[in-house]
Amino acid sequence: MESIRELYRIGVGPSSSHTMGPKKAAEEFLVRNKDSEAFRITLYGSLAATGKGHLTDWAILSVLGEDRTSIVWNSEEELPGHPNGMQFEALNAKGLVADTVQVYSVGGGAIRYADDEATGPDHVYDLPDLTTIMEMCERKGISYWEYVEQCEGKAVWDFLREVWSVMEAAVERGLKTQGVLPGSIGLKRHASSYFKKTKLSGPDMQQTGRVTAYALAVAEENAGGGIIVTAPTCGACGIVPAVLYYLRETQDVTEEEILYALATAGLFGNVIKHNGSISGAEVGCQGEVGSACAMAAAAATQVMGGSVRQIEYAAEMGLEHHLGLTCDPVDGLVQIPCIERNACASTRALSRAQMSILSDGTHRIPFDEVVEVMTRTGTDLPSLYRETSSGGLAKAYDARMKRSACD
């Protein structure tokens, strides 16, 4: 598995796969073709279907320049390596193609070139799955975060400290910011209102209200183009910070404990990314929100003092109970149902952590098997439920808007 530095990416929303990935690809293509007269970029599959709502064109044009770049939208065709495929072409003064590459935005802001598929990423973890890691941790008497430190080195803590700082700032900005999010829906921000109402509520509302407000705050920041951390994606970026921000407030958690929790969460996210997928275009929202819920549940159980088996159990439940979750963003925006899903998964992650702490950590279906099932389920989902905005809630919303226009 590769470094968790590749999982936690600091950047600007609204989409890690549709905004951050294409922008990174454009930057790398520009380096090798900085003297080209013009560029032609063809977007395929999910990138073409929902790229307008996800600002894919803005991300590319902001790098290559509007005056010399044309974008071709081809939602009817997919490149063989991934639903989020792109072809970059550099044109010379005669309009002839001087350079061309095919690249995939594979989720979480990561990209993969078609001719690099055989080599794969650099690996820093020597164990391939969670079962093997858990057994090793038990045998040596170490925690998941200690294994992360062994593989990543002590410098990982400075990196995670920066990650936490950005997460904190996103929560706090989101709680203060009001107004309407950009885009065609006209969706109002709710984090500030939820937070204020929760402070006036009784004790029974505090956990749900605060965690919900924190998750909404980060997800709304992402939808508004704010700076966030992929955890593991932009679309699911509110879940891990919401849970940890709440625990820091209520359990007097130290910064060191937060960093250990982030390392633990990152390890679980890495296992999903390595053995499955975190791409909504590839496996649906179970790969984004489901993975984030598993990560947050693992992090919370770590903070609560859980054993390695209790942490694995919490993460397993977090992912298992999102199996089959579709990715059907309305109008191609990371708003409906994405923002509310962050809040729902955050409260679920916390409750799964609490449930696992009450148990001894034993259960029937291991985390690794749930990752396998999630991946197979995602493959079985029709493309209209995998970030194309052609089915599910997106289709229902579009039909209602058309009926309203005719009335």
Protein backbone atom coordinates (compact mmCIF):
# COMPACT_ATOMS: atom_id res chain seq x y z
CA MET A 1 0.00 0.00 0.00
CA GLU A 2 1.12 3.55 -0.69
CA SER A 3 1.63 6.32 1.85
CA ILE A 4 -1.32 7.90 3.65
CA ARG A 5 0.06 11.16 2.27
CA GLU A 6 -1.62 10.03 -0.97
CA LEU A 7 -4.93 9.51 0.86
CA TYR A 8 -5.10 12.75 2.84
CA ARG A 9 -4.72 15.52 0.26
CA ILE A 10 -5.14 19.19 1.11
CA GLY A 11 -6.90 21.03 -1.68
CA VAL A 12 -9.95 22.86 -2.96
CA GLY A 13 -13.34 21.24 -3.57
CA PRO A 14 -15.87 20.39 -4.71
CA SER A 15 -14.65 17.00 -6.04
CA SER A 16 -11.40 15.12 -5.57
CA SER A 17 -11.93 12.93 -8.64
CA HIS A 18 -13.57 15.55 -10.88
CA THR A 19 -11.79 18.72 -9.77
CA MET A 20 -8.52 17.94 -7.99
CA GLY A 21 -7.53 15.00 -10.21
CA PRO A 22 -8.09 16.75 -13.56
CA LYS A 23 -6.29 19.86 -12.29
CA LYS A 24 -3.28 17.79 -11.26
CA ALA A 25 -3.28 16.04 -14.65
CA ALA A 26 -3.41 19.41 -16.42
CA GLU A 27 -0.50 20.73 -14.36
CA GLU A 28 1.66 17.72 -15.18
CA PHE A 29 0.76 17.89 -18.88
CA LEU A 30 1.61 21.58 -19.00
CA VAL A 31 5.09 20.91 -17.59
CA ARG A 32 5.93 18.66 -20.54
CA ASN A 33 4.18 20.88 -23.12
CA LYS A 34 4.65 24.42 -21.86
CA ASP A 35 5.47 25.80 -25.35
CA SER A 36 2.44 24.28 -27.13
CA GLU A 37 0.18 26.51 -29.18
CA ALA A 38 -3.05 24.88 -28.04
CA PHE A 39 -4.54 22.01 -26.08
CA ARG A 40 -7.47 19.69 -26.69
CA ILE A 41 -8.84 17.76 -23.73
CA THR A 42 -11.41 14.98 -24.13
CA LEU A 43 -13.34 13.95 -21.05
CA TYR A 44 -14.94 10.51 -20.97
CA GLY A 45 -17.60 8.71 -18.95
CA SER A 46 -18.42 10.13 -15.54
CA LEU A 47 -16.05 13.08 -15.99
CA ALA A 48 -18.02 14.18 -19.04
CA ALA A 49 -21.42 13.38 -17.51
CA THR A 50 -21.00 15.43 -14.33
CA GLY A 51 -17.93 17.52 -15.04
CA LYS A 52 -19.84 20.79 -15.42
CA GLY A 53 -21.31 20.54 -11.93
CA HIS A 54 -17.99 19.43 -10.47
CA LEU A 55 -16.08 22.29 -12.18
CA THR A 56 -13.88 19.92 -14.17
CA ASP A 57 -13.64 22.41 -17.03
CA TRP A 58 -12.70 25.23 -14.66
CA ALA A 59 -10.00 23.07 -13.06
CA ILE A 60 -8.39 22.31 -16.43
CA LEU A 61 -8.80 25.76 -17.95
CA SER A 62 -7.36 27.45 -14.87
CA VAL A 63 -4.10 25.63 -15.61
CA LEU A 64 -3.92 25.44 -19.40
CA GLY A 65 -5.69 28.72 -20.19
CA GLU A 66 -9.10 29.40 -21.68
CA ASP A 67 -7.69 31.11 -24.76
CA ARG A 68 -5.84 28.07 -26.07
CA THR A 69 -7.75 25.10 -24.66
CA SER A 70 -10.80 23.27 -25.98
CA ILE A 71 -12.69 20.64 -24.05
CA VAL A 72 -14.60 17.78 -25.67
CA TRP A 73 -17.31 16.14 -23.55
CA ASN A 74 -17.83 12.44 -24.39
CA SER A 75 -20.12 10.93 -21.77
CA GLU A 76 -21.15 8.05 -24.04
CA GLU A 77 -17.72 6.43 -24.07
CA GLU A 78 -15.36 5.22 -21.36
CA LEU A 79 -11.65 4.58 -21.61
CA PRO A 80 -10.74 1.02 -20.55
CA GLY A 81 -8.89 1.80 -17.32
CA HIS A 82 -11.49 3.70 -15.27
CA PRO A 83 -14.82 5.57 -15.68
CA ASN A 84 -12.98 8.87 -15.07
CA GLY A 85 -10.82 8.94 -18.19
CA MET A 86 -9.21 11.92 -19.92
CA GLN A 87 -7.13 12.39 -23.04
CA PHE A 88 -4.77 15.36 -23.18
CA GLU A 89 -3.48 16.52 -26.56
CA ALA A 90 -0.92 19.25 -27.23
CA LEU A 91 -1.21 20.93 -30.63
CA ASN A 92 1.55 22.70 -32.55
CA ALA A 93 1.26 25.86 -34.68
CA LYS A 94 -0.15 23.85 -37.60
CA GLY A 95 -2.86 22.35 -35.45
CA LEU A 96 -1.23 18.92 -35.47
CA VAL A 97 -1.02 16.72 -32.37
CA ALA A 98 2.49 16.95 -30.94
CA ASP A 99 1.89 15.00 -27.73
CA THR A 100 -0.95 12.93 -26.29
CA VAL A 101 -1.55 11.07 -23.03
CA GLN A 102 -4.45 9.21 -21.51
CA VAL A 103 -4.89 9.60 -17.76
CA TYR A 104 -7.43 8.49 -15.18
CA SER A 105 -8.69 10.33 -12.11
CA VAL A 106 -9.03 7.34 -9.81
CA GLY A 107 -10.45 8.98 -6.68
CA GLY A 108 -9.23 11.06 -3.78
CA GLY A 109 -7.37 13.45 -6.09
CA ALA A 110 -5.03 10.72 -7.37
CA ILE A 111 -4.33 10.19 -11.06
CA ARG A 112 -2.97 7.22 -12.99
CA TYR A 113 -1.55 7.21 -16.49
CA ALA A 114 -2.68 4.54 -18.92
CA ASP A 115 0.88 3.45 -19.70
CA ASP A 116 1.78 3.25 -15.99
CA GLU A 117 -0.88 0.76 -14.95
CA ALA A 118 1.56 -2.13 -14.82
CA THR A 119 4.00 -0.42 -12.45
CA GLY A 120 1.52 0.96 -9.92
CA PRO A 121 2.27 3.31 -7.02
CA ASP A 122 5.23 3.20 -4.66
CA HIS A 123 4.49 1.00 -1.66
CA VAL A 124 5.51 1.92 1.88
CA TYR A 125 3.43 -0.68 3.75
CA ASP A 126 4.64 -4.26 3.70
CA LEU A 127 1.34 -5.93 4.67
CA PRO A 128 -1.50 -6.15 2.13
CA ASP A 129 -4.72 -6.30 4.15
CA LEU A 130 -6.26 -5.47 7.50
CA THR A 131 -6.41 -9.05 8.79
CA THR A 132 -2.67 -9.48 8.38
CA ILE A 133 -2.01 -6.06 9.93
CA MET A 134 -4.30 -6.76 12.90
CA GLU A 135 -2.71 -10.13 13.61
CA MET A 136 0.76 -8.58 13.46
CA CYS A 137 -0.29 -5.77 15.82
CA GLU A 138 -1.70 -8.27 18.32
CA ARG A 139 1.39 -10.45 18.11
CA LYS A 140 3.74 -7.51 18.72
CA GLY A 141 1.47 -5.68 21.14
CA ILE A 142 1.36 -2.48 19.09
CA SER A 143 -1.43 -0.21 17.87
CA TYR A 144 -2.38 0.56 14.29
CA TRP A 145 -0.87 4.03 14.57
CA GLU A 146 2.44 2.53 15.68
CA TYR A 147 2.47 0.41 12.53
CA VAL A 148 1.83 3.56 10.51
CA GLU A 149 4.81 5.22 12.19
CA GLN A 150 7.01 2.20 11.49
CA CYS A 151 6.16 2.32 7.78
CA GLU A 152 5.96 6.09 7.25
CA GLY A 153 8.60 7.34 9.67
CA LYS A 154 8.26 9.95 12.42
CA ALA A 155 7.84 12.72 9.84
CA VAL A 156 4.29 11.46 9.33
CA TRP A 157 3.24 13.29 12.52
CA ASP A 158 4.16 16.70 11.11
CA PHE A 159 2.15 15.84 8.00
CA LEU A 160 -0.87 14.74 10.05
CA ARG A 161 -0.58 17.83 12.23
CA GLU A 162 -1.03 19.95 9.10
CA VAL A 163 -3.93 17.74 8.00
CA TRP A 164 -5.67 18.25 11.34
CA SER A 165 -5.07 22.00 11.23
CA VAL A 166 -6.81 22.22 7.84
CA MET A 167 -9.66 20.02 9.05
CA GLU A 168 -10.18 22.17 12.14
CA ALA A 169 -10.16 25.35 10.10
CA ALA A 170 -12.75 23.93 7.69
CA VAL A 171 -15.10 23.09 10.57
CA GLU A 172 -14.73 26.53 12.10
CA ARG A 173 -15.15 28.43 8.82
CA GLY A 174 -18.17 26.35 7.92
CA LEU A 175 -19.86 27.04 11.25
CA LYS A 176 -19.54 30.79 10.71
CA THR A 177 -20.40 31.02 7.02
CA GLN A 178 -23.98 31.48 5.88
CA GLY A 179 -25.71 32.04 2.55
CA VAL A 180 -26.37 30.01 -0.58
CA LEU A 181 -23.91 27.58 -2.12
CA PRO A 182 -22.81 28.17 -5.73
CA GLY A 183 -24.50 26.15 -8.45
CA SER A 184 -27.84 25.59 -10.11
CA ILE A 185 -29.73 24.20 -7.10
CA GLY A 186 -29.68 27.28 -4.87
CA LEU A 187 -28.96 25.19 -1.77
CA LYS A 188 -28.70 27.09 1.51
CA ARG A 189 -25.90 26.46 4.01
CA HIS A 190 -27.25 24.94 7.25
CA ALA A 191 -24.24 24.27 9.49
CA SER A 192 -24.40 27.60 11.33
CA SER A 193 -28.12 27.28 12.04
CA TYR A 194 -27.81 23.67 13.23
CA PHE A 195 -24.95 24.60 15.54
CA LYS A 196 -26.79 27.55 17.09
CA LYS A 197 -29.95 25.52 17.66
CA THR A 198 -27.95 22.67 19.20
CA LYS A 199 -26.32 25.01 21.74
CA LEU A 200 -29.82 26.01 22.88
CA SER A 201 -31.03 22.41 23.09
CA GLY A 202 -31.01 19.94 25.96
CA PRO A 203 -28.36 17.29 26.62
CA ASP A 204 -30.12 14.65 24.53
CA MET A 205 -29.52 16.67 21.36
CA GLN A 206 -25.85 17.49 21.89
CA GLN A 207 -24.12 14.53 20.28
CA THR A 208 -26.29 14.31 17.18
CA GLY A 209 -26.64 18.07 16.82
CA ARG A 210 -22.97 18.93 17.18
CA VAL A 211 -21.63 16.09 15.02
CA THR A 212 -24.20 16.95 12.36
CA ALA A 213 -23.27 20.63 12.42
CA TYR A 214 -19.55 19.88 12.16
CA ALA A 215 -20.03 17.49 9.25
CA LEU A 216 -22.28 19.94 7.42
CA ALA A 217 -19.74 22.72 8.02
CA VAL A 218 -16.92 20.87 6.24
CA ALA A 219 -19.11 19.44 3.48
CA GLU A 220 -20.54 22.90 2.77
CA GLU A 221 -17.04 24.37 2.70
CA ASN A 222 -16.14 21.75 0.12
CA ALA A 223 -19.23 22.48 -1.97
CA GLY A 224 -18.37 26.17 -1.82
CA GLY A 225 -14.83 25.62 -3.11
CA GLY A 226 -13.13 25.96 0.27
CA ILE A 227 -9.88 24.34 1.39
CA ILE A 228 -10.46 20.86 2.81
CA VAL A 229 -8.73 17.50 3.22
CA THR A 230 -9.73 14.45 1.21
CA ALA A 231 -10.70 11.84 3.79
CA PRO A 232 -10.69 9.85 1.63
CA THR A 233 -12.42 12.09 -0.98
CA CYS A 234 -13.80 15.62 -1.25
CA GLY A 235 -17.37 14.34 -1.37
CA ALA A 236 -16.90 12.56 1.98
CA CYS A 237 -14.51 15.08 3.55
CA GLY A 238 -16.75 16.10 6.46
CA ILE A 239 -17.01 12.77 8.27
CA VAL A 240 -13.60 12.19 9.84
CA PRO A 241 -13.11 15.81 10.98
CA ALA A 242 -16.65 16.03 12.40
CA VAL A 243 -16.19 12.97 14.59
CA LEU A 244 -12.72 13.96 15.81
CA TYR A 245 -13.72 17.59 16.42
CA TYR A 246 -16.63 16.39 18.56
CA LEU A 247 -14.47 13.97 20.55
CA ARG A 248 -11.85 16.63 21.14
CA GLU A 249 -14.56 18.88 22.58
CA THR A 250 -16.28 16.33 24.77
CA GLN A 251 -13.51 13.99 25.93
CA ASP A 252 -10.60 16.38 26.46
CA VAL A 253 -8.63 14.65 23.71
CA THR A 254 -5.06 15.85 23.17
CA GLU A 255 -3.59 16.78 19.80
CA GLU A 256 -1.33 13.73 20.01
CA GLU A 257 -4.37 11.47 20.39
CA ILE A 258 -6.03 13.16 17.41
CA LEU A 259 -2.94 12.45 15.30
CA TYR A 260 -2.92 8.80 16.37
CA ALA A 261 -6.59 8.59 15.39
CA LEU A 262 -5.89 10.16 11.98
CA ALA A 263 -3.09 7.64 11.40
CA THR A 264 -5.44 4.80 12.29
CA ALA A 265 -8.17 6.16 10.04
CA GLY A 266 -5.68 6.63 7.21
CA LEU A 267 -4.54 3.02 7.48
CA PHE A 268 -8.11 1.73 7.11
CA GLY A 269 -8.75 4.10 4.22
CA ASN A 270 -5.57 2.88 2.58
CA VAL A 271 -6.68 -0.74 2.82
CA ILE A 272 -9.97 0.13 1.11
CA LYS A 273 -8.19 2.13 -1.58
CA HIS A 274 -5.60 -0.59 -2.16
CA ASN A 275 -7.91 -3.62 -2.18
CA GLY A 276 -11.11 -1.93 -3.37
CA SER A 277 -11.92 1.61 -4.45
CA ILE A 278 -12.73 5.04 -3.02
CA SER A 279 -14.05 6.33 -6.37
CA GLY A 280 -17.75 7.12 -6.63
CA ALA A 281 -17.53 6.77 -10.40
CA GLU A 282 -16.18 3.26 -9.98
CA VAL A 283 -18.15 1.80 -7.04
CA GLY A 284 -20.77 4.38 -6.07
CA CYS A 285 -20.98 6.41 -2.89
CA GLN A 286 -20.29 3.36 -0.73
CA GLY A 287 -16.67 3.84 -1.78
CA GLU A 288 -16.69 7.46 -0.62
CA VAL A 289 -19.09 7.96 2.29
CA GLY A 290 -18.90 4.28 3.29
CA SER A 291 -15.12 4.37 3.38
CA ALA A 292 -15.11 7.66 5.30
CA CYS A 293 -17.55 6.22 7.85
CA ALA A 294 -15.25 3.23 8.35
CA MET A 295 -12.27 5.55 8.78
CA ALA A 296 -14.09 7.77 11.28
CA ALA A 297 -15.39 4.78 13.25
CA ALA A 298 -11.86 3.39 13.49
CA ALA A 299 -10.51 6.79 14.55
CA ALA A 300 -13.18 7.24 17.22
CA THR A 301 -12.61 3.76 18.65
CA GLN A 302 -8.88 4.50 18.81
CA VAL A 303 -9.61 7.68 20.77
CA MET A 304 -11.93 5.76 23.12
CA GLY A 305 -9.16 3.30 23.97
CA GLY A 306 -10.41 0.38 21.92
CA SER A 307 -8.34 -2.71 21.14
CA VAL A 308 -7.15 -3.46 17.61
CA ARG A 309 -10.05 -5.92 17.26
CA GLN A 310 -12.61 -3.40 18.50
CA ILE A 311 -11.22 -0.81 16.07
CA GLU A 312 -11.47 -3.31 13.18
CA TYR A 313 -15.05 -4.15 14.21
CA ALA A 314 -16.11 -0.50 14.25
CA ALA A 315 -14.63 0.09 10.80
CA GLU A 316 -16.27 -3.08 9.47
CA MET A 317 -19.69 -1.88 10.62
CA GLY A 318 -19.07 1.58 9.21
CA LEU A 319 -18.47 0.18 5.74
CA GLU A 320 -20.88 -2.77 5.88
CA HIS A 321 -23.92 -0.65 6.56
CA HIS A 322 -23.26 1.56 3.54
CA LEU A 323 -23.05 -1.33 1.08
CA GLY A 324 -24.91 -0.57 -2.14
CA LEU A 325 -25.01 3.20 -1.58
CA THR A 326 -25.35 4.85 -4.98
CA CYS A 327 -23.64 7.99 -6.26
CA ASP A 328 -26.38 10.11 -7.85
CA PRO A 329 -25.52 13.79 -7.35
CA VAL A 330 -28.29 16.18 -8.36
CA ASP A 331 -27.22 18.34 -11.31
CA GLY A 332 -23.71 16.89 -10.96
CA LEU A 333 -23.07 18.97 -7.84
CA VAL A 334 -21.48 17.72 -4.61
CA GLN A 335 -24.50 18.99 -2.66
CA ILE A 336 -27.61 16.79 -2.82
CA PRO A 337 -27.45 14.15 -1.37
CA CYS A 338 -23.72 14.43 -0.61
CA ILE A 339 -23.78 17.06 2.16
CA GLU A 340 -26.48 15.36 4.24
CA ARG A 341 -24.78 12.01 3.74
CA ASN A 342 -21.69 13.40 5.46
CA ALA A 343 -23.80 14.26 8.49
CA CYS A 344 -25.61 10.91 8.56
CA ALA A 345 -22.38 8.93 8.23
CA SER A 346 -20.70 10.98 10.96
CA THR A 347 -23.34 10.15 13.54
CA ARG A 348 -23.27 6.53 12.39
CA ALA A 349 -19.48 6.36 12.71
CA LEU A 350 -19.67 7.58 16.30
CA SER A 351 -22.43 5.13 17.20
CA ARG A 352 -20.50 2.24 15.59
CA ALA A 353 -17.45 3.16 17.66
CA GLN A 354 -19.56 3.16 20.82
CA MET A 355 -21.09 -0.19 19.89
CA SER A 356 -17.70 -1.77 19.26
CA ILE A 357 -16.40 -0.49 22.62
CA LEU A 358 -19.34 -2.26 24.31
CA SER A 359 -18.34 -5.50 22.58
CA ASP A 360 -15.19 -7.59 22.85
CA GLY A 361 -14.44 -6.96 19.16
CA THR A 362 -15.37 -10.42 17.89
CA HIS A 363 -17.75 -10.69 14.93
CA ARG A 364 -18.47 -12.97 11.98
CA ILE A 365 -17.51 -11.01 8.84
CA PRO A 366 -14.03 -9.44 8.78
CA PHE A 367 -13.33 -5.96 7.45
CA ASP A 368 -11.37 -7.29 4.46
CA GLU A 369 -14.33 -9.35 3.26
CA VAL A 370 -16.60 -6.31 3.46
CA VAL A 371 -14.11 -4.41 1.28
CA GLU A 372 -14.31 -7.24 -1.26
CA VAL A 373 -18.11 -7.22 -1.18
CA MET A 374 -18.19 -3.44 -1.54
CA THR A 375 -15.99 -3.64 -4.63
CA ARG A 376 -18.09 -6.39 -6.24
CA THR A 377 -21.29 -4.52 -5.40
CA GLY A 378 -19.91 -1.38 -7.00
CA THR A 379 -18.99 -3.27 -10.15
CA ASP A 380 -22.54 -4.65 -10.30
CA LEU A 381 -24.12 -1.19 -10.02
CA PRO A 382 -25.29 0.17 -13.39
CA SER A 383 -23.36 3.22 -14.54
CA LEU A 384 -26.36 5.50 -13.94
CA TYR A 385 -25.76 4.96 -10.20
CA ARG A 386 -22.02 5.68 -10.38
CA GLU A 387 -21.59 9.46 -10.53
CA THR A 388 -23.19 10.07 -13.90
CA SER A 389 -26.26 11.93 -12.55
CA SER A 390 -28.44 9.90 -14.91
CA GLY A 391 -30.33 7.86 -12.31
CA GLY A 392 -31.58 7.78 -8.74
CA LEU A 393 -32.12 11.07 -6.93
CA ALA A 394 -30.57 13.05 -9.78
CA LYS A 395 -33.11 11.68 -12.25
CA ALA A 396 -36.02 12.22 -9.85
CA TYR A 397 -34.99 15.83 -9.22
CA ASP A 398 -34.54 16.52 -12.93
CA ALA A 399 -37.99 15.09 -13.73
CA ARG A 400 -39.61 17.24 -11.04
CA MET A 401 -37.88 20.39 -12.35
CA LYS A 402 -39.12 19.64 -15.85
CA ARG A 403 -42.69 19.17 -14.60
CA SER A 404 -42.52 22.44 -12.69
CA ALA A 405 -41.28 24.25 -15.79
CA CYS A 406 -44.30 23.01 -17.74
CA ASP A 407 -46.84 24.05 -15.11
